[in-house]
Amino acid sequence: MINRKIKRPPETNGNSAGWLTTFNDLVTLLMVFFVLLFTMGSMDHRLMKEFQFALQSGLGILEAGSMASVAVQQPLTPVAQQGGSTRSIDASTPEDGSVEAKVTMEAVLEEFAAQRGVNVKYSKDGVQISYEDGLFFNFGKADINPGGTDYLEKLAQAINKLPFAVRVEGHTDNVPIHTSRFPSNWELSIARAVSVVKYFIDVGKINPRRLSAVGYGDSKPLVPNDAPAARAKNRRVEIVLVTEGEK
């Protein structure tokens, strides 16, 4: 019977250079890390902003729509600055070349707050002017009714006198809608917001770069949808004057 001996690898003397592989990997990772830091530091923020806007537009959420907040009701009182003066907003010069006018923000808000079916409140983004949907739209529709144009005409005139960006938000109640045009409340809410934006552009002559539209469906109710009157409050269009943050 033949005895076979198992060959064993020669024992190392403790001076193996295997650790160099791990060290080289670590150096490579550090190099990649610093390259990424350099790339991010030299990134063109304007191009990144355009990319973000294009992505949000494709998703149906334009500009700051995703940042709408739950507003805190505050009284519409003038905001005093140092010396007790009332804050006023310089309006841009109209295209017809007329003299530049000063418009008091609070005066504009008080005018709209006095209208029936309209609620004005402050939020961290700016000012929200909320309209009951019945003022603009018939039930389940996204075409502005004749009565709604009167409200929008006055609002467009005020917006043209103020320098702020404007976000139009569409909201619905939780009653499902299933039509060929609007498979769900999401489509209805965004279609209503877009209708208002188109009116501002086509009729109100507001610069499109100031406008954005977003539809929230029934995801941001003001009150629980547990009664017809409550659901009516949740069906609304909100015009947000973005006075805080990026304009």
Protein backbone atom coordinates (compact mmCIF):
# COMPACT_ATOMS: atom_id res chain seq x y z
CA MET A 1 0.00 0.00 0.00
CA ILE A 2 1.43 3.36 -1.04
CA ASN A 3 1.51 6.10 1.60
CA ARG A 4 0.67 9.48 0.08
CA LYS A 5 1.97 12.55 1.77
CA ILE A 6 -0.08 15.74 1.70
CA LYS A 7 1.99 18.65 0.58
CA ARG A 8 1.57 21.65 2.81
CA PRO A 9 2.29 25.22 1.69
CA PRO A 10 5.53 26.58 2.99
CA GLU A 11 5.16 28.49 6.22
CA THR A 12 5.56 32.23 5.94
CA ASN A 13 8.17 33.92 8.00
CA GLY A 14 5.83 36.72 9.17
CA ASN A 15 7.06 39.25 6.62
CA SER A 16 4.16 38.79 4.14
CA ALA A 17 3.19 41.89 2.12
CA GLY A 18 -0.52 40.98 1.99
CA TRP A 19 -1.47 44.03 4.02
CA LEU A 20 -0.48 46.18 1.06
CA THR A 21 -3.60 45.06 -0.81
CA THR A 22 -5.86 46.36 1.94
CA PHE A 23 -3.84 49.55 2.16
CA ASN A 24 -4.11 50.13 -1.60
CA ASP A 25 -7.90 49.64 -1.43
CA LEU A 26 -8.14 52.19 1.37
CA VAL A 27 -6.07 54.75 -0.57
CA THR A 28 -8.23 54.21 -3.66
CA LEU A 29 -11.44 54.76 -1.68
CA LEU A 30 -10.03 57.94 -0.16
CA MET A 31 -9.09 59.21 -3.62
CA VAL A 32 -12.61 58.53 -4.93
CA PHE A 33 -14.09 60.28 -1.88
CA PHE A 34 -12.05 63.45 -2.44
CA VAL A 35 -12.82 63.42 -6.17
CA LEU A 36 -16.54 63.34 -5.32
CA LEU A 37 -16.11 66.22 -2.88
CA PHE A 38 -14.33 68.25 -5.55
CA THR A 39 -17.03 67.47 -8.12
CA MET A 40 -19.85 68.46 -5.77
CA GLY A 41 -18.04 71.65 -4.80
CA SER A 42 -17.68 72.77 -8.42
CA MET A 43 -21.21 71.76 -9.49
CA ASP A 44 -23.21 74.28 -11.53
CA HIS A 45 -26.11 75.07 -9.20
CA ARG A 46 -28.07 76.75 -11.99
CA LEU A 47 -28.03 73.56 -14.06
CA MET A 48 -28.97 71.50 -10.99
CA LYS A 49 -31.92 73.85 -10.35
CA GLU A 50 -33.07 73.46 -13.95
CA PHE A 51 -32.79 69.68 -13.65
CA GLN A 52 -34.80 69.71 -10.41
CA PHE A 53 -37.50 71.87 -12.02
CA ALA A 54 -37.71 69.55 -15.04
CA LEU A 55 -38.01 66.50 -12.79
CA GLN A 56 -40.72 68.08 -10.63
CA SER A 57 -42.61 69.19 -13.74
CA GLY A 58 -42.62 65.63 -15.06
CA LEU A 59 -44.06 64.42 -11.77
CA GLY A 60 -46.75 67.12 -11.76
CA ILE A 61 -45.23 68.94 -8.77
CA LEU A 62 -43.81 72.29 -9.76
CA GLU A 63 -41.28 74.30 -7.78
CA ALA A 64 -42.19 74.40 -4.10
CA GLY A 65 -45.40 72.50 -4.27
CA SER A 66 -44.07 69.67 -2.15
CA MET A 67 -43.20 72.09 0.60
CA ALA A 68 -46.69 73.36 1.33
CA SER A 69 -47.19 73.50 5.06
CA VAL A 70 -50.06 73.35 7.50
CA ALA A 71 -50.70 77.01 8.08
CA VAL A 72 -51.20 78.70 11.44
CA GLN A 73 -54.04 81.20 11.51
CA GLN A 74 -52.83 84.69 12.37
CA PRO A 75 -54.65 88.03 12.46
CA LEU A 76 -54.19 90.25 9.45
CA THR A 77 -52.47 93.10 11.27
CA PRO A 78 -49.83 95.39 9.78
CA VAL A 79 -46.26 94.24 10.33
CA ALA A 80 -44.36 97.02 12.09
CA GLN A 81 -40.70 97.63 11.42
CA GLN A 82 -38.21 99.70 13.39
CA GLY A 83 -39.62 103.10 14.09
CA GLY A 84 -43.20 101.80 13.92
CA SER A 85 -43.60 102.13 10.14
CA THR A 86 -45.86 99.74 8.26
CA ARG A 87 -44.23 97.35 5.82
CA SER A 88 -45.08 98.14 2.23
CA ILE A 89 -44.22 96.42 -1.03
CA ASP A 90 -42.79 98.27 -4.01
CA ALA A 91 -44.71 97.23 -7.09
CA SER A 92 -42.81 96.73 -10.32
CA THR A 93 -43.30 99.29 -13.05
CA PRO A 94 -46.22 98.30 -15.30
CA GLU A 95 -45.55 97.71 -18.98
CA ASP A 96 -47.55 100.79 -19.95
CA GLY A 97 -44.88 102.97 -18.30
CA SER A 98 -47.13 104.41 -15.61
CA VAL A 99 -45.67 105.72 -12.38
CA GLU A 100 -44.48 103.05 -9.95
CA ALA A 101 -46.93 102.59 -7.08
CA LYS A 102 -46.54 101.39 -3.52
CA VAL A 103 -48.91 98.65 -2.46
CA THR A 104 -49.47 97.79 1.17
CA MET A 105 -49.46 94.01 1.52
CA GLU A 106 -51.91 94.00 4.39
CA ALA A 107 -54.38 96.22 2.52
CA VAL A 108 -54.44 93.74 -0.34
CA LEU A 109 -54.99 90.82 2.02
CA GLU A 110 -57.75 92.57 3.94
CA GLU A 111 -59.62 93.17 0.69
CA PHE A 112 -59.65 89.46 -0.16
CA ALA A 113 -60.31 88.31 3.40
CA ALA A 114 -63.54 90.30 3.39
CA GLN A 115 -64.95 88.29 0.48
CA ARG A 116 -67.38 85.48 1.16
CA GLY A 117 -65.95 82.00 0.69
CA VAL A 118 -62.37 83.31 0.90
CA ASN A 119 -59.96 82.70 3.76
CA VAL A 120 -56.60 84.42 4.13
CA LYS A 121 -53.91 83.14 6.48
CA TYR A 122 -50.17 83.22 7.01
CA SER A 123 -47.89 80.20 6.71
CA LYS A 124 -44.13 79.69 6.92
CA ASP A 125 -43.96 80.00 3.10
CA GLY A 126 -45.91 83.23 2.90
CA VAL A 127 -49.60 84.01 2.55
CA GLN A 128 -52.36 81.57 1.57
CA ILE A 129 -55.54 82.86 -0.06
CA SER A 130 -57.99 79.96 0.01
CA TYR A 131 -61.10 79.88 -2.19
CA GLU A 132 -63.97 77.44 -1.86
CA ASP A 133 -63.96 75.38 -5.04
CA GLY A 134 -67.57 76.33 -5.77
CA LEU A 135 -66.43 79.89 -6.45
CA PHE A 136 -64.30 78.75 -9.38
CA PHE A 137 -65.56 75.36 -10.52
CA ASN A 138 -68.73 73.36 -10.84
CA PHE A 139 -68.82 70.05 -8.99
CA GLY A 140 -66.42 67.52 -10.54
CA LYS A 141 -65.25 69.99 -13.22
CA ALA A 142 -61.95 71.75 -13.89
CA ASP A 143 -63.18 74.49 -16.23
CA ILE A 144 -63.48 77.89 -14.54
CA ASN A 145 -67.10 78.97 -14.35
CA PRO A 146 -68.17 82.52 -15.35
CA GLY A 147 -68.51 83.65 -11.73
CA GLY A 148 -64.98 82.53 -10.93
CA THR A 149 -63.41 84.85 -13.47
CA ASP A 150 -64.47 87.88 -11.41
CA TYR A 151 -62.51 86.62 -8.41
CA LEU A 152 -59.50 85.66 -10.51
CA GLU A 153 -59.44 88.99 -12.34
CA LYS A 154 -59.17 90.92 -9.07
CA LEU A 155 -56.59 88.50 -7.75
CA ALA A 156 -54.49 88.77 -10.92
CA GLN A 157 -54.50 92.55 -10.64
CA ALA A 158 -53.21 92.32 -7.07
CA ILE A 159 -50.54 89.75 -7.99
CA ASN A 160 -49.26 91.99 -10.77
CA LYS A 161 -48.66 94.71 -8.18
CA LEU A 162 -46.69 92.43 -5.87
CA PRO A 163 -43.23 90.92 -6.49
CA PHE A 164 -43.79 87.44 -5.07
CA ALA A 165 -43.80 84.02 -6.73
CA VAL A 166 -47.24 82.38 -6.80
CA ARG A 167 -48.10 78.72 -6.19
CA VAL A 168 -51.59 77.48 -7.06
CA GLU A 169 -52.73 74.41 -5.12
CA GLY A 170 -55.73 72.24 -5.89
CA HIS A 171 -57.45 70.28 -3.08
CA THR A 172 -60.44 67.91 -3.03
CA ASP A 173 -62.46 65.98 -0.46
CA ASN A 174 -62.18 62.22 -0.02
CA VAL A 175 -65.18 61.28 -2.17
CA PRO A 176 -63.73 59.25 -5.09
CA ILE A 177 -64.25 60.47 -8.63
CA HIS A 178 -64.14 58.11 -11.61
CA THR A 179 -64.68 59.77 -14.96
CA SER A 180 -63.05 59.43 -18.35
CA ARG A 181 -61.24 62.74 -17.83
CA PHE A 182 -60.47 62.41 -14.11
CA PRO A 183 -59.79 58.84 -12.96
CA SER A 184 -59.13 60.09 -9.41
CA ASN A 185 -59.11 63.19 -7.22
CA TRP A 186 -55.43 63.69 -7.99
CA GLU A 187 -56.11 64.39 -11.66
CA LEU A 188 -59.02 66.68 -10.77
CA SER A 189 -56.99 68.72 -8.28
CA ILE A 190 -54.02 69.28 -10.60
CA ALA A 191 -56.31 70.10 -13.54
CA ARG A 192 -58.02 72.81 -11.47
CA ALA A 193 -54.69 74.28 -10.39
CA VAL A 194 -53.49 74.33 -14.00
CA SER A 195 -56.73 76.04 -15.12
CA VAL A 196 -56.10 78.86 -12.64
CA VAL A 197 -52.46 79.20 -13.73
CA LYS A 198 -53.50 79.34 -17.39
CA TYR A 199 -56.01 82.09 -16.57
CA PHE A 200 -53.32 84.07 -14.78
CA ILE A 201 -51.05 83.78 -17.83
CA ASP A 202 -53.57 84.23 -20.66
CA VAL A 203 -55.92 86.78 -19.11
CA GLY A 204 -54.11 88.18 -16.08
CA LYS A 205 -50.86 88.64 -18.07
CA ILE A 206 -48.76 87.38 -15.16
CA ASN A 207 -45.22 86.30 -16.00
CA PRO A 208 -45.28 82.45 -16.25
CA ARG A 209 -41.93 82.26 -14.46
CA ARG A 210 -43.67 83.44 -11.29
CA LEU A 211 -46.29 80.70 -11.39
CA SER A 212 -46.42 77.04 -10.41
CA ALA A 213 -49.24 74.51 -10.01
CA VAL A 214 -49.66 71.46 -7.79
CA GLY A 215 -52.51 69.06 -7.05
CA TYR A 216 -52.84 67.43 -3.64
CA GLY A 217 -56.11 65.55 -4.12
CA ASP A 218 -57.55 64.73 -0.70
CA SER A 219 -54.15 64.36 1.01
CA LYS A 220 -54.23 67.72 2.85
CA PRO A 221 -57.71 68.18 4.34
CA LEU A 222 -58.40 71.21 6.52
CA VAL A 223 -60.91 69.25 8.62
CA PRO A 224 -61.95 65.58 8.83
CA ASN A 225 -64.14 64.48 5.90
CA ASP A 226 -66.92 63.28 8.19
CA ALA A 227 -69.81 65.48 7.04
CA PRO A 228 -70.96 67.27 3.87
CA ALA A 229 -70.12 70.71 5.30
CA ALA A 230 -66.62 69.52 6.27
CA ARG A 231 -66.00 68.03 2.85
CA ALA A 232 -67.06 71.33 1.28
CA LYS A 233 -64.32 73.11 3.27
CA ASN A 234 -61.72 70.66 2.01
CA ARG A 235 -62.66 71.26 -1.63
CA ARG A 236 -60.68 74.40 -2.28
CA VAL A 237 -58.10 76.21 -4.38
CA GLU A 238 -55.27 77.92 -2.51
CA ILE A 239 -53.18 80.72 -3.94
CA VAL A 240 -49.88 80.95 -2.06
CA LEU A 241 -47.87 84.16 -2.27
CA VAL A 242 -44.39 82.85 -1.56
CA THR A 243 -42.99 85.71 0.55
CA GLU A 244 -40.44 83.56 2.41
CA GLY A 245 -37.41 81.66 1.11
CA GLU A 246 -36.61 81.48 -2.58
CA LYS A 247 -38.82 83.59 -4.80
